[in-house]
Every structure is written in structure tokens, then in C-alpha cells.
């Protein structure tokens, strides 16, 4: 938001919305990727534990 404020303060009115929506999009993509990687890592851990007879119970989010 500080960068957007600077853009608006310097008269770059056309670029400011791209900065806002680009930042929002990048944050959402990073969140989705982080959740996907975390779920994959947990699922792998569950599979490896099951192979070694140390199965744990996790919630519905582990497939």
C-alpha cells in the first residue's frame, strides 16, 4: 500500500491499480502454493509412517 501511495502521490494513476491487484494476486498465489506444498508434505509423511507401521490419524485435509 505504501508503494501504491507513492505511485498516486507522483501522479502515476494508471499504474497504481495494477500494483494493488498484482500484489493481491501474488499473495493469493503464494497462499495456494503454500497450502498445496504443505498438504503434499504431510501426505508424504503419512504414507512413509504407514509403510513403517507408525500410522497416525490426521484430519480430512490429508488425502
PDB file of N, CA and C in Angstrom:
ATOM      1  N   UNK A   1       0.823  -1.186   0.000  1.00  0.00           N
ATOM      2  CA  UNK A   1       0.000   0.000   0.000  1.00  0.00           C
ATOM      3  C   UNK A   1       0.872   1.257   0.000  1.00  0.00           C
ATOM      4  N   UNK A   2       2.016   1.157   0.617  1.00  0.00           N
ATOM      5  CA  UNK A   2       2.921   2.307   0.617  1.00  0.00           C
ATOM      6  C   UNK A   2       3.390   2.606  -0.803  1.00  0.00           C
ATOM      7  N   UNK A   3       3.711   1.547  -1.543  1.00  0.00           N
ATOM      8  CA  UNK A   3       4.130   1.754  -2.930  1.00  0.00           C
ATOM      9  C   UNK A   3       3.005   2.364  -3.755  1.00  0.00           C
ATOM     10  N   UNK A   4       1.791   1.914  -3.528  1.00  0.00           N
ATOM     11  CA  UNK A   4       0.647   2.466  -4.247  1.00  0.00           C
ATOM     12  C   UNK A   4       0.450   3.933  -3.885  1.00  0.00           C
ATOM     13  N   UNK A   5       0.624   4.250  -2.617  1.00  0.00           N
ATOM     14  CA  UNK A   5       0.514   5.640  -2.189  1.00  0.00           C
ATOM     15  C   UNK A   5       1.578   6.506  -2.863  1.00  0.00           C
ATOM     16  N   UNK A   6       2.785   5.980  -2.971  1.00  0.00           N
ATOM     17  CA  UNK A   6       3.853   6.723  -3.652  1.00  0.00           C
ATOM     18  C   UNK A   6       3.521   6.908  -5.135  1.00  0.00           C
ATOM     19  N   UNK A   7       2.995   5.856  -5.763  1.00  0.00           N
ATOM     20  CA  UNK A   7       2.616   5.974  -7.171  1.00  0.00           C
ATOM     21  C   UNK A   7       1.545   7.041  -7.357  1.00  0.00           C
ATOM     22  N   UNK A   8       0.541   7.031  -6.501  1.00  0.00           N
ATOM     23  CA  UNK A   8      -0.518   8.035  -6.600  1.00  0.00           C
ATOM     24  C   UNK A   8       0.020   9.434  -6.307  1.00  0.00           C
ATOM     25  N   UNK A   9       0.917   9.530  -5.343  1.00  0.00           N
ATOM     26  CA  UNK A   9       1.493  10.825  -4.992  1.00  0.00           C
ATOM     27  C   UNK A   9       2.339  11.422  -6.099  1.00  0.00           C
ATOM     28  N   UNK A  10       2.912  10.554  -6.940  1.00  0.00           N
ATOM     29  CA  UNK A  10       3.748  11.027  -8.041  1.00  0.00           C
ATOM     30  C   UNK A  10       2.975  11.117  -9.358  1.00  0.00           C
ATOM     31  N   UNK A  11       1.650  10.906  -9.283  1.00  0.00           N
ATOM     32  CA  UNK A  11       0.815  11.092 -10.457  1.00  0.00           C
ATOM     33  C   UNK A  11       0.717   9.903 -11.398  1.00  0.00           C
ATOM     34  N   UNK A  12       1.106   8.725 -10.965  1.00  0.00           N
ATOM     35  CA  UNK A  12       1.027   7.523 -11.803  1.00  0.00           C
ATOM     36  C   UNK A  12      -0.304   6.815 -11.543  1.00  0.00           C
ATOM     37  N   UNK A  13      -1.386   7.455 -11.977  1.00  0.00           N
ATOM     38  CA  UNK A  13      -2.724   6.963 -11.669  1.00  0.00           C
ATOM     39  C   UNK A  13      -3.076   5.692 -12.435  1.00  0.00           C
ATOM     40  N   UNK A  14      -2.486   5.478 -13.576  1.00  0.00           N
ATOM     41  CA  UNK A  14      -2.792   4.290 -14.364  1.00  0.00           C
ATOM     42  C   UNK A  14      -2.068   3.053 -13.832  1.00  0.00           C
ATOM     43  N   UNK A  15      -0.936   3.228 -13.199  1.00  0.00           N
ATOM     44  CA  UNK A  15      -0.132   2.101 -12.723  1.00  0.00           C
ATOM     45  C   UNK A  15      -0.569   1.636 -11.330  1.00  0.00           C
ATOM     46  N   UNK A  16      -1.117   2.531 -10.535  1.00  0.00           N
ATOM     47  CA  UNK A  16      -1.479   2.213  -9.144  1.00  0.00           C
ATOM     48  C   UNK A  16      -2.452   1.034  -9.028  1.00  0.00           C
ATOM     49  N   UNK A  17      -3.521   0.964  -9.831  1.00  0.00           N
ATOM     50  CA  UNK A  17      -4.415  -0.201  -9.709  1.00  0.00           C
ATOM     51  C   UNK A  17      -3.718  -1.523 -10.053  1.00  0.00           C
ATOM     52  N   UNK A  18      -2.801  -1.488 -11.017  1.00  0.00           N
ATOM     53  CA  UNK A  18      -2.061  -2.708 -11.352  1.00  0.00           C
ATOM     54  C   UNK A  18      -1.200  -3.149 -10.169  1.00  0.00           C
ATOM     55  N   UNK A  19      -0.660  -2.200  -9.459  1.00  0.00           N
ATOM     56  CA  UNK A  19       0.144  -2.523  -8.280  1.00  0.00           C
ATOM     57  C   UNK A  19      -0.727  -3.176  -7.200  1.00  0.00           C
ATOM     58  N   UNK A  20      -1.905  -2.634  -6.968  1.00  0.00           N
ATOM     59  CA  UNK A  20      -2.800  -3.179  -5.947  1.00  0.00           C
ATOM     60  C   UNK A  20      -3.235  -4.592  -6.322  1.00  0.00           C
ATOM     61  N   UNK A  21      -3.753  -4.752  -7.540  1.00  0.00           N
ATOM     62  CA  UNK A  21      -4.272  -6.058  -7.945  1.00  0.00           C
ATOM     63  C   UNK A  21      -3.158  -7.070  -8.181  1.00  0.00           C
ATOM     64  N   UNK A  22      -2.009  -6.608  -8.621  1.00  0.00           N
ATOM     65  CA  UNK A  22      -0.869  -7.511  -8.776  1.00  0.00           C
ATOM     66  C   UNK A  22      -0.388  -8.046  -7.440  1.00  0.00           C
ATOM     67  N   UNK A  23      -0.349  -7.181  -6.444  1.00  0.00           N
ATOM     68  CA  UNK A  23       0.052  -7.617  -5.098  1.00  0.00           C
ATOM     69  C   UNK A  23      -0.963  -8.595  -4.518  1.00  0.00           C
ATOM     70  N   UNK A  24      -2.231  -8.305  -4.721  1.00  0.00           N
ATOM     71  CA  UNK A  24      -3.284  -9.196  -4.238  1.00  0.00           C
ATOM     72  C   UNK A  24      -3.178 -10.562  -4.918  1.00  0.00           C
ATOM     73  N   UNK A  25      -3.005 -10.569  -6.224  1.00  0.00           N
ATOM     74  CA  UNK A  25      -2.895 -11.816  -6.976  1.00  0.00           C
ATOM     75  C   UNK A  25      -1.667 -12.616  -6.529  1.00  0.00           C
ATOM     76  N   UNK A  26      -0.543 -11.950  -6.376  1.00  0.00           N
ATOM     77  CA  UNK A  26       0.680 -12.638  -5.948  1.00  0.00           C
ATOM     78  C   UNK A  26       0.508 -13.241  -4.549  1.00  0.00           C
ATOM     79  N   UNK A  27      -0.154 -12.532  -3.657  1.00  0.00           N
ATOM     80  CA  UNK A  27      -0.402 -13.057  -2.316  1.00  0.00           C
ATOM     81  C   UNK A  27      -1.308 -14.275  -2.335  1.00  0.00           C
ATOM     82  N   UNK A  28      -2.345 -14.242  -3.162  1.00  0.00           N
ATOM     83  CA  UNK A  28      -3.241 -15.390  -3.265  1.00  0.00           C
ATOM     84  C   UNK A  28      -2.536 -16.601  -3.861  1.00  0.00           C
ATOM     85  N   UNK A  29      -1.720 -16.380  -4.886  1.00  0.00           N
ATOM     86  CA  UNK A  29      -0.967 -17.480  -5.497  1.00  0.00           C
ATOM     87  C   UNK A  29       0.002 -18.084  -4.487  1.00  0.00           C
ATOM     88  N   UNK A  30       0.688 -17.241  -3.730  1.00  0.00           N
ATOM     89  CA  UNK A  30       1.628 -17.739  -2.721  1.00  0.00           C
ATOM     90  C   UNK A  30       0.900 -18.544  -1.644  1.00  0.00           C
ATOM     91  N   UNK A  31      -0.285 -18.113  -1.257  1.00  0.00           N
ATOM     92  CA  UNK A  31      -1.066 -18.831  -0.256  1.00  0.00           C
ATOM     93  C   UNK A  31      -1.494 -20.199  -0.765  1.00  0.00           C
ATOM     94  N   UNK A  32      -2.010 -20.244  -1.985  1.00  0.00           N
ATOM     95  CA  UNK A  32      -2.454 -21.510  -2.566  1.00  0.00           C
ATOM     96  C   UNK A  32      -1.279 -22.469  -2.722  1.00  0.00           C
ATOM     97  N   UNK A  33      -0.154 -21.972  -3.204  1.00  0.00           N
ATOM     98  CA  UNK A  33       1.023 -22.830  -3.353  1.00  0.00           C
ATOM     99  C   UNK A  33       1.526 -23.335  -2.005  1.00  0.00           C
ATOM    100  N   UNK A  34       1.531 -22.478  -1.007  1.00  0.00           N
ATOM    101  CA  UNK A  34       1.964 -22.891   0.327  1.00  0.00           C
ATOM    102  C   UNK A  34       1.071 -23.964   0.911  1.00  0.00           C
ATOM    103  N   UNK A  35      -0.237 -23.810   0.755  1.00  0.00           N
ATOM    104  CA  UNK A  35      -1.160 -24.827   1.248  1.00  0.00           C
ATOM    105  C   UNK A  35      -0.974 -26.148   0.505  1.00  0.00           C
ATOM    106  N   UNK A  36      -0.803 -26.083  -0.801  1.00  0.00           N
ATOM    107  CA  UNK A  36      -0.625 -27.301  -1.596  1.00  0.00           C
ATOM    108  C   UNK A  36       0.665 -28.021  -1.210  1.00  0.00           C
ATOM    109  N   UNK A  37       1.739 -27.289  -1.068  1.00  0.00           N
ATOM    110  CA  UNK A  37       3.016 -27.903  -0.692  1.00  0.00           C
ATOM    111  C   UNK A  37       2.937 -28.490   0.714  1.00  0.00           C
ATOM    112  N   UNK A  38       2.300 -27.793   1.623  1.00  0.00           N
ATOM    113  CA  UNK A  38       2.145 -28.309   2.982  1.00  0.00           C
ATOM    114  C   UNK A  38       1.315 -29.572   3.025  1.00  0.00           C
ATOM    115  N   UNK A  39       0.233 -29.616   2.249  1.00  0.00           N
ATOM    116  CA  UNK A  39      -0.594 -30.821   2.207  1.00  0.00           C
ATOM    117  C   UNK A  39       0.164 -31.992   1.594  1.00  0.00           C
ATOM    118  N   UNK A  40       0.929 -31.720   0.539  1.00  0.00           N
ATOM    119  CA  UNK A  40       1.705 -32.793  -0.082  1.00  0.00           C
ATOM    120  C   UNK A  40       2.762 -33.332   0.880  1.00  0.00           C
ATOM    121  N   UNK A  41       3.413 -32.445   1.614  1.00  0.00           N
ATOM    122  CA  UNK A  41       4.434 -32.880   2.562  1.00  0.00           C
ATOM    123  C   UNK A  41       3.815 -33.711   3.681  1.00  0.00           C
ATOM    124  N   UNK A  42       2.660 -33.299   4.164  1.00  0.00           N
ATOM    125  CA  UNK A  42       2.005 -34.050   5.227  1.00  0.00           C
ATOM    126  C   UNK A  42       1.513 -35.399   4.721  1.00  0.00           C
ATOM    127  N   UNK A  43       0.973 -35.440   3.513  1.00  0.00           N
ATOM    128  CA  UNK A  43       0.515 -36.704   2.941  1.00  0.00           C
ATOM    129  C   UNK A  43       1.692 -37.660   2.756  1.00  0.00           C
ATOM    130  N   UNK A  44       2.837 -37.132   2.328  1.00  0.00           N
ATOM    131  CA  UNK A  44       4.029 -37.975   2.167  1.00  0.00           C
ATOM    132  C   UNK A  44       4.476 -38.528   3.512  1.00  0.00           C
ATOM    133  N   UNK A  45       4.419 -37.679   4.523  1.00  0.00           N
ATOM    134  CA  UNK A  45       4.810 -38.117   5.860  1.00  0.00           C
ATOM    135  C   UNK A  45       3.895 -39.225   6.359  1.00  0.00           C
ATOM    136  N   UNK A  46       2.595 -39.103   6.077  1.00  0.00           N
ATOM    137  CA  UNK A  46       1.633 -40.117   6.493  1.00  0.00           C
ATOM    138  C   UNK A  46       1.907 -41.424   5.762  1.00  0.00           C
ATOM    139  N   UNK A  47       2.168 -41.338   4.442  1.00  0.00           N
ATOM    140  CA  UNK A  47       2.455 -42.549   3.678  1.00  0.00           C
ATOM    141  C   UNK A  47       3.717 -43.243   4.184  1.00  0.00           C
ATOM    142  N   UNK A  48       4.753 -42.478   4.452  1.00  0.00           N
ATOM    143  CA  UNK A  48       6.003 -43.074   4.946  1.00  0.00           C
ATOM    144  C   UNK A  48       5.813 -43.697   6.324  1.00  0.00           C
ATOM    145  N   UNK A  49       5.044 -43.044   7.176  1.00  0.00           N
ATOM    146  CA  UNK A  49       4.787 -43.590   8.510  1.00  0.00           C
ATOM    147  C   UNK A  49       3.980 -44.881   8.409  1.00  0.00           C
ATOM    148  N   UNK A  50       3.043 -44.939   7.466  1.00  0.00           N
ATOM    149  CA  UNK A  50       2.232 -46.154   7.302  1.00  0.00           C
ATOM    150  C   UNK A  50       3.098 -47.310   6.823  1.00  0.00           C
ATOM    151  N   UNK A  51       4.080 -47.022   5.970  1.00  0.00           N
ATOM    152  CA  UNK A  51       4.971 -48.082   5.494  1.00  0.00           C
ATOM    153  C   UNK A  51       5.793 -48.685   6.626  1.00  0.00           C
ATOM    154  N   UNK A  52       6.132 -47.870   7.600  1.00  0.00           N
ATOM    155  CA  UNK A  52       6.971 -48.321   8.706  1.00  0.00           C
ATOM    156  C   UNK A  52       6.146 -48.720   9.927  1.00  0.00           C
ATOM    157  N   UNK A  53       4.827 -48.796   9.749  1.00  0.00           N
ATOM    158  CA  UNK A  53       3.961 -49.236  10.842  1.00  0.00           C
ATOM    159  C   UNK A  53       3.744 -48.220  11.932  1.00  0.00           C
ATOM    160  N   UNK A  54       3.948 -46.964  11.641  1.00  0.00           N
ATOM    161  CA  UNK A  54       3.749 -45.902  12.632  1.00  0.00           C
ATOM    162  C   UNK A  54       2.657 -44.944  12.163  1.00  0.00           C
ATOM    163  N   UNK A  55       1.552 -45.481  11.729  1.00  0.00           N
ATOM    164  CA  UNK A  55       0.482 -44.651  11.171  1.00  0.00           C
ATOM    165  C   UNK A  55      -0.137 -43.760  12.247  1.00  0.00           C
ATOM    166  N   UNK A  56      -0.363 -42.543  11.896  1.00  0.00           N
ATOM    167  CA  UNK A  56      -1.049 -41.587  12.765  1.00  0.00           C
ATOM    168  C   UNK A  56      -2.369 -41.215  12.123  1.00  0.00           C
ATOM    169  N   UNK A  57      -3.264 -40.699  12.926  1.00  0.00           N
ATOM    170  CA  UNK A  57      -4.535 -40.243  12.389  1.00  0.00           C
ATOM    171  C   UNK A  57      -4.469 -38.747  12.189  1.00  0.00           C
ATOM    172  N   UNK A  58      -4.790 -38.330  10.990  1.00  0.00           N
ATOM    173  CA  UNK A  58      -4.860 -36.912  10.646  1.00  0.00           C
ATOM    174  C   UNK A  58      -6.260 -36.592  10.209  1.00  0.00           C
ATOM    175  N   UNK A  59      -6.523 -35.335   9.977  1.00  0.00           N
ATOM    176  CA  UNK A  59      -7.855 -34.886   9.597  1.00  0.00           C
ATOM    177  C   UNK A  59      -8.170 -35.137   8.136  1.00  0.00           C
ATOM    178  N   UNK A  60      -9.290 -34.622   7.693  1.00  0.00           N
ATOM    179  CA  UNK A  60      -9.795 -34.812   6.336  1.00  0.00           C
ATOM    180  C   UNK A  60      -8.912 -34.170   5.281  1.00  0.00           C
ATOM    181  N   UNK A  61      -8.056 -33.232   5.667  1.00  0.00           N
ATOM    182  CA  UNK A  61      -7.269 -32.486   4.698  1.00  0.00           C
ATOM    183  C   UNK A  61      -6.117 -33.293   4.107  1.00  0.00           C
ATOM    184  N   UNK A  62      -5.825 -34.455   4.685  1.00  0.00           N
ATOM    185  CA  UNK A  62      -4.755 -35.311   4.171  1.00  0.00           C
ATOM    186  C   UNK A  62      -5.406 -36.360   3.276  1.00  0.00           C
ATOM    187  N   UNK A  63      -4.951 -36.401   2.039  1.00  0.00           N
ATOM    188  CA  UNK A  63      -5.527 -37.375   1.096  1.00  0.00           C
ATOM    189  C   UNK A  63      -4.533 -38.429   0.777  1.00  0.00           C
TER     190      UNK A  63
END
